[in-house]
Amino acid sequence: MFQRRSNLQPSQESEEHYSESKIKEVKDAIEPLSGRSLKYCTDNCLRRYLEARNWNADKSKKMLEDTLKWRSTYKPEDIRWDEVAMEGATGKLYRASFHDREGRIVLVLRPGMQNTSSIENQMRHLVYMLENAMLNLPQGQEQMSWLIDFTGWSFRNSVPIKSAKETINILQNHYPERLAIAFSLQPPSCF
């Protein structure tokens, strides 16, 4: 006699409606997009920015606009392997040949394999790897896992503080909600 409109529970329906309304609010608030910006700003992308800013549309919009400016100047889609191959020569950052239990791509970071001092090139390599991983995410998957292997790490071959800060800045501000989980293998006692 009575039928439900969908298989979702009422609370799930209201959460989904809230999410969709917030996505629409951000979409309406940003300037008309075209080209790469339009392709980048999918509903899933807007959802990640909203989640990163606790569903505050104004803060999400600001964060997204900053990212779009950054992407237009940094041009992460245009970075090619031959430009960053030297950074990847030692295997300090690579995509694993396996997935985690949830089917997510795993990026392996090995700070003990640091081989260069150019922070700019290190960041371009990081961005290249992130963009590559995102392109290869399974359907419906938005996040990835990190395995940070500190084998061979010492203060002598450690990543400079400036490089670590820039890595955190890029991840936090331009790739929000992409990191699902990170594992540290053999972390030094100073951590």
N, C-alpha and C. Protein backbone atom coordinates (compact mmCIF):
# COMPACT_ATOMS: atom_id res chain seq x y z
N MET A 1 0.81 -1.17 0.00
CA MET A 1 0.00 0.00 0.00
C MET A 1 0.87 1.26 0.00
N PHE A 2 1.82 1.34 0.92
CA PHE A 2 2.72 2.49 0.93
C PHE A 2 4.05 2.08 0.32
N GLN A 3 4.58 2.94 -0.54
CA GLN A 3 5.86 2.65 -1.15
C GLN A 3 6.83 3.79 -0.90
N ARG A 4 8.07 3.42 -0.70
CA ARG A 4 9.12 4.42 -0.50
C ARG A 4 9.62 4.85 -1.87
N ARG A 5 9.97 6.15 -1.99
CA ARG A 5 10.46 6.68 -3.25
C ARG A 5 11.79 6.06 -3.66
N SER A 6 12.63 5.70 -2.67
CA SER A 6 13.94 5.14 -3.00
C SER A 6 14.35 4.16 -1.93
N ASN A 7 15.49 3.55 -2.13
CA ASN A 7 16.01 2.59 -1.16
C ASN A 7 16.72 3.28 0.00
N LEU A 8 16.92 4.57 -0.07
CA LEU A 8 17.65 5.31 0.96
C LEU A 8 16.77 5.53 2.18
N GLN A 9 17.36 5.50 3.34
CA GLN A 9 16.68 5.83 4.59
C GLN A 9 16.41 7.34 4.60
N PRO A 10 15.44 7.78 5.38
CA PRO A 10 15.15 9.23 5.41
C PRO A 10 16.37 10.08 5.75
N SER A 11 17.18 9.66 6.69
CA SER A 11 18.35 10.47 7.04
C SER A 11 19.35 10.50 5.88
N GLN A 12 19.47 9.40 5.16
CA GLN A 12 20.35 9.37 3.99
C GLN A 12 19.84 10.29 2.90
N GLU A 13 18.51 10.29 2.73
CA GLU A 13 17.91 11.17 1.73
C GLU A 13 18.17 12.64 2.08
N SER A 14 18.01 12.99 3.34
CA SER A 14 18.22 14.38 3.72
C SER A 14 19.70 14.76 3.61
N GLU A 15 20.62 13.84 3.96
CA GLU A 15 22.05 14.10 3.80
C GLU A 15 22.40 14.30 2.33
N GLU A 16 21.84 13.44 1.48
CA GLU A 16 22.11 13.55 0.05
C GLU A 16 21.54 14.85 -0.50
N HIS A 17 20.35 15.21 -0.06
CA HIS A 17 19.74 16.48 -0.51
C HIS A 17 20.58 17.66 -0.04
N TYR A 18 21.05 17.63 1.21
CA TYR A 18 21.89 18.70 1.75
C TYR A 18 23.17 18.81 0.93
N SER A 19 23.79 17.67 0.67
CA SER A 19 25.03 17.63 -0.11
C SER A 19 24.81 18.23 -1.50
N GLU A 20 23.76 17.82 -2.16
CA GLU A 20 23.45 18.33 -3.50
C GLU A 20 23.17 19.83 -3.48
N SER A 21 22.48 20.30 -2.46
CA SER A 21 22.17 21.73 -2.39
C SER A 21 23.44 22.55 -2.15
N LYS A 22 24.36 22.03 -1.34
CA LYS A 22 25.63 22.72 -1.09
C LYS A 22 26.49 22.73 -2.35
N ILE A 23 26.52 21.63 -3.07
CA ILE A 23 27.27 21.57 -4.33
C ILE A 23 26.72 22.60 -5.31
N LYS A 24 25.40 22.66 -5.39
CA LYS A 24 24.78 23.64 -6.29
C LYS A 24 25.11 25.06 -5.85
N GLU A 25 25.13 25.31 -4.55
CA GLU A 25 25.44 26.64 -4.02
C GLU A 25 26.87 27.06 -4.44
N VAL A 26 27.82 26.15 -4.32
CA VAL A 26 29.20 26.47 -4.71
C VAL A 26 29.28 26.65 -6.22
N LYS A 27 28.61 25.77 -6.95
CA LYS A 27 28.61 25.84 -8.41
C LYS A 27 28.06 27.18 -8.90
N ASP A 28 27.00 27.63 -8.27
CA ASP A 28 26.39 28.90 -8.65
C ASP A 28 27.25 30.09 -8.25
N ALA A 29 28.04 29.93 -7.18
CA ALA A 29 28.84 31.04 -6.65
C ALA A 29 30.13 31.28 -7.42
N ILE A 30 30.67 30.24 -8.05
CA ILE A 30 31.93 30.44 -8.78
C ILE A 30 31.63 31.01 -10.16
N GLU A 31 32.62 31.70 -10.68
CA GLU A 31 32.45 32.32 -11.99
C GLU A 31 32.21 31.24 -13.04
N PRO A 32 31.58 31.61 -14.14
CA PRO A 32 31.38 30.61 -15.20
C PRO A 32 32.73 30.00 -15.61
N LEU A 33 32.76 28.70 -15.69
CA LEU A 33 34.00 27.99 -15.98
C LEU A 33 34.04 27.51 -17.42
N SER A 34 35.25 27.34 -17.89
CA SER A 34 35.42 26.78 -19.24
C SER A 34 36.71 25.98 -19.27
N GLY A 35 36.90 25.22 -20.31
CA GLY A 35 38.13 24.48 -20.52
C GLY A 35 38.47 23.54 -19.38
N ARG A 36 39.73 23.57 -18.97
CA ARG A 36 40.22 22.67 -17.93
C ARG A 36 39.53 22.90 -16.59
N SER A 37 39.19 24.13 -16.28
CA SER A 37 38.52 24.43 -15.01
C SER A 37 37.16 23.77 -14.95
N LEU A 38 36.44 23.82 -16.06
CA LEU A 38 35.13 23.17 -16.13
C LEU A 38 35.27 21.66 -15.96
N LYS A 39 36.26 21.08 -16.62
CA LYS A 39 36.49 19.64 -16.53
C LYS A 39 36.91 19.24 -15.11
N TYR A 40 37.66 20.10 -14.44
CA TYR A 40 38.15 19.81 -13.09
C TYR A 40 37.02 19.87 -12.05
N CYS A 41 36.11 20.81 -12.20
CA CYS A 41 35.08 21.08 -11.18
C CYS A 41 33.86 20.18 -11.33
N THR A 42 34.08 18.91 -11.15
CA THR A 42 32.97 17.96 -11.16
C THR A 42 32.23 18.06 -9.83
N ASP A 43 31.08 17.42 -9.76
CA ASP A 43 30.35 17.39 -8.49
C ASP A 43 31.18 16.72 -7.40
N ASN A 44 31.90 15.66 -7.74
CA ASN A 44 32.74 14.99 -6.76
C ASN A 44 33.85 15.91 -6.27
N CYS A 45 34.41 16.70 -7.16
CA CYS A 45 35.44 17.67 -6.78
C CYS A 45 34.85 18.70 -5.81
N LEU A 46 33.70 19.25 -6.14
CA LEU A 46 33.07 20.25 -5.27
C LEU A 46 32.74 19.64 -3.92
N ARG A 47 32.32 18.38 -3.91
CA ARG A 47 32.01 17.69 -2.65
C ARG A 47 33.27 17.58 -1.78
N ARG A 48 34.42 17.28 -2.40
CA ARG A 48 35.67 17.18 -1.63
C ARG A 48 36.04 18.53 -1.02
N TYR A 49 35.89 19.61 -1.77
CA TYR A 49 36.19 20.94 -1.25
C TYR A 49 35.23 21.31 -0.12
N LEU A 50 33.97 20.95 -0.26
CA LEU A 50 33.01 21.21 0.80
C LEU A 50 33.35 20.40 2.06
N GLU A 51 33.69 19.15 1.89
CA GLU A 51 34.07 18.32 3.03
C GLU A 51 35.30 18.89 3.73
N ALA A 52 36.25 19.38 2.95
CA ALA A 52 37.48 19.94 3.52
C ALA A 52 37.21 21.20 4.34
N ARG A 53 36.12 21.87 4.06
CA ARG A 53 35.79 23.10 4.78
C ARG A 53 34.48 22.96 5.57
N ASN A 54 34.23 21.74 6.02
CA ASN A 54 33.06 21.45 6.87
C ASN A 54 31.75 21.95 6.28
N TRP A 55 31.60 21.81 5.00
CA TRP A 55 30.39 22.14 4.25
C TRP A 55 30.06 23.63 4.29
N ASN A 56 31.05 24.46 4.52
CA ASN A 56 30.88 25.91 4.46
C ASN A 56 31.10 26.32 3.00
N ALA A 57 30.03 26.74 2.34
CA ALA A 57 30.10 27.04 0.91
C ALA A 57 31.04 28.20 0.60
N ASP A 58 31.04 29.24 1.43
CA ASP A 58 31.91 30.39 1.18
C ASP A 58 33.39 30.00 1.27
N LYS A 59 33.74 29.26 2.32
CA LYS A 59 35.13 28.83 2.48
C LYS A 59 35.54 27.85 1.37
N SER A 60 34.61 26.99 0.99
CA SER A 60 34.88 26.03 -0.09
C SER A 60 35.10 26.75 -1.41
N LYS A 61 34.27 27.74 -1.67
CA LYS A 61 34.39 28.53 -2.89
C LYS A 61 35.76 29.22 -2.94
N LYS A 62 36.16 29.82 -1.83
CA LYS A 62 37.45 30.50 -1.77
C LYS A 62 38.59 29.51 -2.02
N MET A 63 38.51 28.37 -1.37
CA MET A 63 39.54 27.34 -1.54
C MET A 63 39.60 26.86 -2.99
N LEU A 64 38.46 26.63 -3.58
CA LEU A 64 38.39 26.17 -4.97
C LEU A 64 38.93 27.24 -5.92
N GLU A 65 38.57 28.49 -5.70
CA GLU A 65 39.08 29.57 -6.55
C GLU A 65 40.61 29.67 -6.46
N ASP A 66 41.14 29.51 -5.24
CA ASP A 66 42.60 29.52 -5.08
C ASP A 66 43.24 28.36 -5.84
N THR A 67 42.61 27.20 -5.80
CA THR A 67 43.13 26.05 -6.53
C THR A 67 43.06 26.28 -8.03
N LEU A 68 41.97 26.84 -8.51
CA LEU A 68 41.84 27.08 -9.95
C LEU A 68 42.90 28.07 -10.43
N LYS A 69 43.20 29.09 -9.61
CA LYS A 69 44.29 30.02 -9.96
C LYS A 69 45.62 29.28 -9.99
N TRP A 70 45.84 28.47 -8.95
CA TRP A 70 47.08 27.69 -8.87
C TRP A 70 47.22 26.77 -10.08
N ARG A 71 46.14 26.06 -10.43
CA ARG A 71 46.18 25.13 -11.56
C ARG A 71 46.41 25.86 -12.88
N SER A 72 45.88 27.08 -13.00
CA SER A 72 46.07 27.82 -14.26
C SER A 72 47.51 28.29 -14.43
N THR A 73 48.22 28.52 -13.34
CA THR A 73 49.62 28.94 -13.45
C THR A 73 50.58 27.76 -13.37
N TYR A 74 50.31 26.81 -12.47
CA TYR A 74 51.20 25.66 -12.26
C TYR A 74 51.07 24.64 -13.39
N LYS A 75 49.88 24.54 -13.95
CA LYS A 75 49.55 23.64 -15.07
C LYS A 75 49.94 22.18 -14.77
N PRO A 76 49.35 21.59 -13.74
CA PRO A 76 49.71 20.21 -13.37
C PRO A 76 49.42 19.19 -14.48
N GLU A 77 48.43 19.47 -15.32
CA GLU A 77 48.09 18.53 -16.40
C GLU A 77 49.17 18.47 -17.47
N ASP A 78 50.02 19.49 -17.52
CA ASP A 78 51.03 19.57 -18.56
C ASP A 78 52.40 19.02 -18.15
N ILE A 79 52.54 18.60 -16.90
CA ILE A 79 53.81 18.04 -16.44
C ILE A 79 53.98 16.66 -17.07
N ARG A 80 55.11 16.42 -17.67
CA ARG A 80 55.41 15.14 -18.33
C ARG A 80 56.52 14.42 -17.58
N TRP A 81 56.51 13.09 -17.72
CA TRP A 81 57.47 12.27 -16.99
C TRP A 81 58.92 12.67 -17.25
N ASP A 82 59.25 12.96 -18.49
CA ASP A 82 60.65 13.29 -18.78
C ASP A 82 61.11 14.55 -18.05
N GLU A 83 60.17 15.41 -17.64
CA GLU A 83 60.52 16.61 -16.88
C GLU A 83 60.85 16.29 -15.42
N VAL A 84 60.32 15.21 -14.89
CA VAL A 84 60.48 14.88 -13.47
C VAL A 84 61.16 13.54 -13.25
N ALA A 85 61.60 12.91 -14.32
CA ALA A 85 62.18 11.57 -14.22
C ALA A 85 63.38 11.52 -13.27
N MET A 86 64.19 12.57 -13.26
CA MET A 86 65.35 12.58 -12.37
C MET A 86 64.91 12.48 -10.91
N GLU A 87 63.79 13.13 -10.57
CA GLU A 87 63.27 13.07 -9.20
C GLU A 87 62.81 11.65 -8.85
N GLY A 88 62.32 10.95 -9.83
CA GLY A 88 61.81 9.60 -9.58
C GLY A 88 62.82 8.50 -9.75
N ALA A 89 64.05 8.85 -10.12
CA ALA A 89 65.08 7.85 -10.44
C ALA A 89 65.38 6.90 -9.29
N THR A 90 65.34 7.39 -8.06
CA THR A 90 65.68 6.54 -6.91
C THR A 90 64.47 5.82 -6.34
N GLY A 91 63.29 6.13 -6.83
CA GLY A 91 62.09 5.50 -6.32
C GLY A 91 61.61 6.12 -5.02
N LYS A 92 61.90 7.39 -4.83
CA LYS A 92 61.49 8.04 -3.57
C LYS A 92 59.98 8.28 -3.50
N LEU A 93 59.32 8.25 -4.65
CA LEU A 93 57.86 8.38 -4.71
C LEU A 93 57.39 7.64 -5.95
N TYR A 94 56.51 6.67 -5.75
CA TYR A 94 55.98 5.94 -6.89
C TYR A 94 54.61 5.35 -6.56
N ARG A 95 53.90 4.99 -7.59
CA ARG A 95 52.60 4.34 -7.42
C ARG A 95 52.85 2.85 -7.31
N ALA A 96 52.32 2.25 -6.26
CA ALA A 96 52.52 0.82 -6.03
C ALA A 96 51.78 0.00 -7.07
N SER A 97 52.22 -1.22 -7.25
CA SER A 97 51.58 -2.13 -8.20
C SER A 97 50.39 -2.86 -7.56
N PHE A 98 50.03 -2.47 -6.36
CA PHE A 98 48.91 -3.10 -5.64
C PHE A 98 47.98 -2.01 -5.13
N HIS A 99 46.79 -2.42 -4.71
CA HIS A 99 45.81 -1.51 -4.12
C HIS A 99 45.62 -1.90 -2.65
N ASP A 100 45.04 -1.00 -1.86
CA ASP A 100 44.75 -1.36 -0.47
C ASP A 100 43.47 -2.19 -0.42
N ARG A 101 43.04 -2.56 0.77
CA ARG A 101 41.87 -3.43 0.93
C ARG A 101 40.58 -2.81 0.40
N GLU A 102 40.54 -1.49 0.32
CA GLU A 102 39.36 -0.79 -0.18
C GLU A 102 39.44 -0.55 -1.68
N GLY A 103 40.50 -1.04 -2.33
CA GLY A 103 40.66 -0.87 -3.77
C GLY A 103 41.29 0.45 -4.17
N ARG A 104 41.83 1.17 -3.19
CA ARG A 104 42.43 2.47 -3.49
C ARG A 104 43.86 2.31 -3.98
N ILE A 105 44.27 3.24 -4.84
CA ILE A 105 45.65 3.32 -5.30
C ILE A 105 46.54 3.64 -4.10
N VAL A 106 47.73 3.06 -4.08
CA VAL A 106 48.68 3.30 -3.02
C VAL A 106 49.89 4.03 -3.60
N LEU A 107 50.21 5.17 -3.01
CA LEU A 107 51.44 5.88 -3.36
C LEU A 107 52.46 5.55 -2.27
N VAL A 108 53.66 5.19 -2.69
CA VAL A 108 54.74 4.85 -1.76
C VAL A 108 55.73 6.00 -1.75
N LEU A 109 55.98 6.54 -0.56
CA LEU A 109 56.96 7.60 -0.37
C LEU A 109 58.12 7.02 0.43
N ARG A 110 59.32 7.25 -0.06
CA ARG A 110 60.51 6.74 0.62
C ARG A 110 61.48 7.91 0.83
N PRO A 111 61.29 8.66 1.90
CA PRO A 111 62.11 9.85 2.14
C PRO A 111 63.61 9.54 2.28
N GLY A 112 63.96 8.32 2.61
CA GLY A 112 65.38 7.95 2.70
C GLY A 112 66.06 7.85 1.35
N MET A 113 65.29 7.94 0.29
CA MET A 113 65.83 7.84 -1.07
C MET A 113 65.97 9.22 -1.72
N GLN A 114 65.95 10.26 -0.91
CA GLN A 114 66.07 11.64 -1.42
C GLN A 114 67.35 11.77 -2.25
N ASN A 115 67.21 12.30 -3.46
CA ASN A 115 68.37 12.37 -4.37
C ASN A 115 68.63 13.75 -4.96
N THR A 116 67.78 14.72 -4.68
CA THR A 116 67.98 16.05 -5.25
C THR A 116 67.73 17.11 -4.18
N SER A 117 68.10 18.34 -4.52
CA SER A 117 67.87 19.44 -3.58
C SER A 117 66.93 20.50 -4.14
N SER A 118 66.47 20.34 -5.37
CA SER A 118 65.58 21.33 -5.98
C SER A 118 64.15 21.12 -5.48
N ILE A 119 63.71 22.01 -4.63
CA ILE A 119 62.35 21.91 -4.08
C ILE A 119 61.32 22.05 -5.19
N GLU A 120 61.58 22.93 -6.14
CA GLU A 120 60.64 23.13 -7.25
C GLU A 120 60.46 21.82 -8.03
N ASN A 121 61.55 21.14 -8.36
CA ASN A 121 61.44 19.87 -9.09
C ASN A 121 60.79 18.78 -8.24
N GLN A 122 61.08 18.78 -6.95
CA GLN A 122 60.46 17.80 -6.06
C GLN A 122 58.94 17.98 -6.04
N MET A 123 58.49 19.23 -5.99
CA MET A 123 57.05 19.51 -5.97
C MET A 123 56.40 19.16 -7.31
N ARG A 124 57.09 19.43 -8.40
CA ARG A 124 56.55 19.06 -9.71
C ARG A 124 56.41 17.54 -9.82
N HIS A 125 57.37 16.82 -9.25
CA HIS A 125 57.30 15.36 -9.24
C HIS A 125 56.12 14.88 -8.40
N LEU A 126 55.95 15.47 -7.23
CA LEU A 126 54.82 15.13 -6.36
C LEU A 126 53.49 15.37 -7.09
N VAL A 127 53.36 16.55 -7.70
CA VAL A 127 52.12 16.89 -8.40
C VAL A 127 51.90 15.95 -9.58
N TYR A 128 52.95 15.63 -10.30
CA TYR A 128 52.83 14.68 -11.41
C TYR A 128 52.28 13.34 -10.90
N MET A 129 52.85 12.85 -9.80
CA MET A 129 52.41 11.57 -9.25
C MET A 129 50.97 11.62 -8.76
N LEU A 130 50.58 12.72 -8.14
CA LEU A 130 49.20 12.85 -7.68
C LEU A 130 48.22 12.89 -8.86
N GLU A 131 48.56 13.68 -9.86
CA GLU A 131 47.69 13.77 -11.04
C GLU A 131 47.58 12.42 -11.74
N ASN A 132 48.71 11.72 -11.85
CA ASN A 132 48.71 10.41 -12.48
C ASN A 132 47.87 9.42 -11.68
N ALA A 133 48.01 9.46 -10.37
CA ALA A 133 47.22 8.57 -9.52
C ALA A 133 45.73 8.87 -9.65
N MET A 134 45.37 10.15 -9.70
CA MET A 134 43.96 10.53 -9.84
C MET A 134 43.38 10.05 -11.16
N LEU A 135 44.17 10.11 -12.20
CA LEU A 135 43.70 9.64 -13.51
C LEU A 135 43.43 8.14 -13.51
N ASN A 136 44.11 7.43 -12.64
CA ASN A 136 44.01 5.98 -12.61
C ASN A 136 43.17 5.44 -11.46
N LEU A 137 42.46 6.32 -10.76
CA LEU A 137 41.59 5.85 -9.68
C LEU A 137 40.46 5.01 -10.26
N PRO A 138 40.11 3.93 -9.59
CA PRO A 138 38.98 3.13 -10.06
C PRO A 138 37.69 3.94 -10.05
N GLN A 139 36.74 3.55 -10.86
CA GLN A 139 35.44 4.22 -10.95
C GLN A 139 34.83 4.34 -9.57
N GLY A 140 34.40 5.53 -9.21
CA GLY A 140 33.75 5.76 -7.93
C GLY A 140 34.70 5.97 -6.77
N GLN A 141 35.99 5.89 -7.03
CA GLN A 141 36.99 6.07 -5.98
C GLN A 141 37.57 7.48 -6.07
N GLU A 142 37.62 8.19 -4.96
CA GLU A 142 38.10 9.56 -4.95
C GLU A 142 39.39 9.71 -4.16
N GLN A 143 39.74 8.71 -3.36
CA GLN A 143 40.87 8.85 -2.46
C GLN A 143 41.93 7.80 -2.74
N MET A 144 43.11 8.05 -2.15
CA MET A 144 44.22 7.11 -2.28
C MET A 144 44.86 6.89 -0.92
N SER A 145 45.69 5.89 -0.84
CA SER A 145 46.42 5.58 0.39
C SER A 145 47.89 5.88 0.18
N TRP A 146 48.57 6.21 1.26
CA TRP A 146 50.01 6.45 1.21
C TRP A 146 50.71 5.49 2.15
N LEU A 147 51.81 4.99 1.71
CA LEU A 147 52.70 4.19 2.54
C LEU A 147 54.02 4.95 2.57
N ILE A 148 54.38 5.43 3.75
CA ILE A 148 55.61 6.21 3.90
C ILE A 148 56.64 5.29 4.55
N ASP A 149 57.62 4.88 3.75
CA ASP A 149 58.64 3.94 4.19
C ASP A 149 59.91 4.72 4.56
N PHE A 150 60.20 4.76 5.85
CA PHE A 150 61.34 5.52 6.33
C PHE A 150 62.65 4.72 6.34
N THR A 151 62.66 3.56 5.72
CA THR A 151 63.88 2.76 5.65
C THR A 151 64.99 3.60 5.02
N GLY A 152 66.14 3.65 5.69
CA GLY A 152 67.28 4.41 5.16
C GLY A 152 67.23 5.90 5.43
N TRP A 153 66.19 6.36 6.12
CA TRP A 153 66.08 7.79 6.40
C TRP A 153 67.04 8.19 7.51
N SER A 154 67.64 9.35 7.36
CA SER A 154 68.47 9.93 8.41
C SER A 154 68.40 11.44 8.28
N PHE A 155 68.92 12.15 9.27
CA PHE A 155 68.92 13.61 9.17
C PHE A 155 69.78 14.08 8.00
N ARG A 156 70.74 13.28 7.62
CA ARG A 156 71.64 13.63 6.52
C ARG A 156 70.91 13.66 5.17
N ASN A 157 70.00 12.72 4.97
CA ASN A 157 69.30 12.66 3.69
C ASN A 157 67.82 13.04 3.82
N SER A 158 67.48 13.75 4.86
CA SER A 158 66.08 14.10 5.09
C SER A 158 65.61 15.21 4.14
N VAL A 159 64.32 15.26 3.99
CA VAL A 159 63.69 16.28 3.16
C VAL A 159 63.78 17.62 3.90
N PRO A 160 64.19 18.69 3.21
CA PRO A 160 64.26 20.00 3.87
C PRO A 160 62.89 20.42 4.40
N ILE A 161 62.88 21.16 5.49
CA ILE A 161 61.63 21.63 6.10
C ILE A 161 60.79 22.40 5.09
N LYS A 162 61.44 23.23 4.28
CA LYS A 162 60.72 24.01 3.28
C LYS A 162 59.98 23.09 2.30
N SER A 163 60.61 22.01 1.91
CA SER A 163 60.00 21.04 1.01
C SER A 163 58.81 20.35 1.68
N ALA A 164 58.97 19.97 2.94
CA ALA A 164 57.88 19.33 3.68
C ALA A 164 56.69 20.28 3.81
N LYS A 165 56.96 21.55 4.11
CA LYS A 165 55.88 22.54 4.24
C LYS A 165 55.15 22.73 2.91
N GLU A 166 55.90 22.80 1.82
CA GLU A 166 55.27 22.98 0.50
C GLU A 166 54.45 21.75 0.13
N THR A 167 54.93 20.57 0.47
CA THR A 167 54.17 19.34 0.22
C THR A 167 52.84 19.40 0.95
N ILE A 168 52.87 19.76 2.22
CA ILE A 168 51.64 19.86 3.01
C ILE A 168 50.72 20.92 2.42
N ASN A 169 51.27 22.06 2.02
CA ASN A 169 50.47 23.12 1.41
C ASN A 169 49.75 22.62 0.16
N ILE A 170 50.48 21.97 -0.72
CA ILE A 170 49.88 21.48 -1.97
C ILE A 170 48.80 20.45 -1.67
N LEU A 171 49.10 19.50 -0.81
CA LEU A 171 48.12 18.45 -0.50
C LEU A 171 46.87 19.02 0.16
N GLN A 172 47.08 19.87 1.14
CA GLN A 172 45.97 20.39 1.92
C GLN A 172 45.10 21.37 1.13
N ASN A 173 45.72 22.23 0.36
CA ASN A 173 44.98 23.30 -0.30
C ASN A 173 44.53 22.99 -1.72
N HIS A 174 45.21 22.08 -2.40
CA HIS A 174 44.88 21.83 -3.80
C HIS A 174 44.44 20.40 -4.11
N TYR A 175 44.59 19.50 -3.15
CA TYR A 175 44.14 18.13 -3.31
C TYR A 175 43.37 17.69 -2.07
N PRO A 176 42.33 18.47 -1.69
CA PRO A 176 41.62 18.15 -0.46
C PRO A 176 40.89 16.81 -0.54
N GLU A 177 40.87 16.14 0.59
CA GLU A 177 40.14 14.89 0.75
C GLU A 177 40.57 13.80 -0.23
N ARG A 178 41.80 13.88 -0.71
CA ARG A 178 42.33 12.83 -1.59
C ARG A 178 43.04 11.74 -0.80
N LEU A 179 43.55 12.08 0.36
CA LEU A 179 44.26 11.12 1.18
C LEU A 179 43.27 10.41 2.10
N ALA A 180 43.11 9.12 1.90
CA ALA A 180 42.20 8.35 2.74
C ALA A 180 42.91 7.91 4.02
N ILE A 181 44.13 7.42 3.86
CA ILE A 181 44.88 6.90 5.00
C ILE A 181 46.36 6.88 4.65
N ALA A 182 47.18 7.06 5.66
CA ALA A 182 48.63 7.00 5.46
C ALA A 182 49.22 6.08 6.52
N PHE A 183 50.16 5.26 6.11
CA PHE A 183 50.85 4.36 7.02
C PHE A 183 52.33 4.71 7.02
N SER A 184 52.93 4.68 8.18
CA SER A 184 54.38 4.90 8.30
C SER A 184 55.04 3.58 8.61
N LEU A 185 56.05 3.27 7.83
CA LEU A 185 56.82 2.05 8.03
C LEU A 185 58.19 2.44 8.58
N GLN A 186 58.57 1.91 9.71
CA GLN A 186 59.83 2.18 10.38
C GLN A 186 60.08 3.68 10.59
N PRO A 187 59.10 4.36 11.21
CA PRO A 187 59.32 5.80 11.44
C PRO A 187 60.44 6.01 12.46
N PRO A 188 61.25 7.03 12.26
CA PRO A 188 62.32 7.32 13.22
C PRO A 188 61.72 7.74 14.56
N SER A 189 62.48 7.59 15.61
CA SER A 189 62.00 7.91 16.96
C SER A 189 61.63 9.38 17.10
N CYS A 190 62.23 10.26 16.28
CA CYS A 190 61.89 11.69 16.37
C CYS A 190 60.46 11.97 15.90
N PHE A 191 59.84 11.02 15.20
CA PHE A 191 58.46 11.19 14.78
C PHE A 191 57.52 10.71 15.85
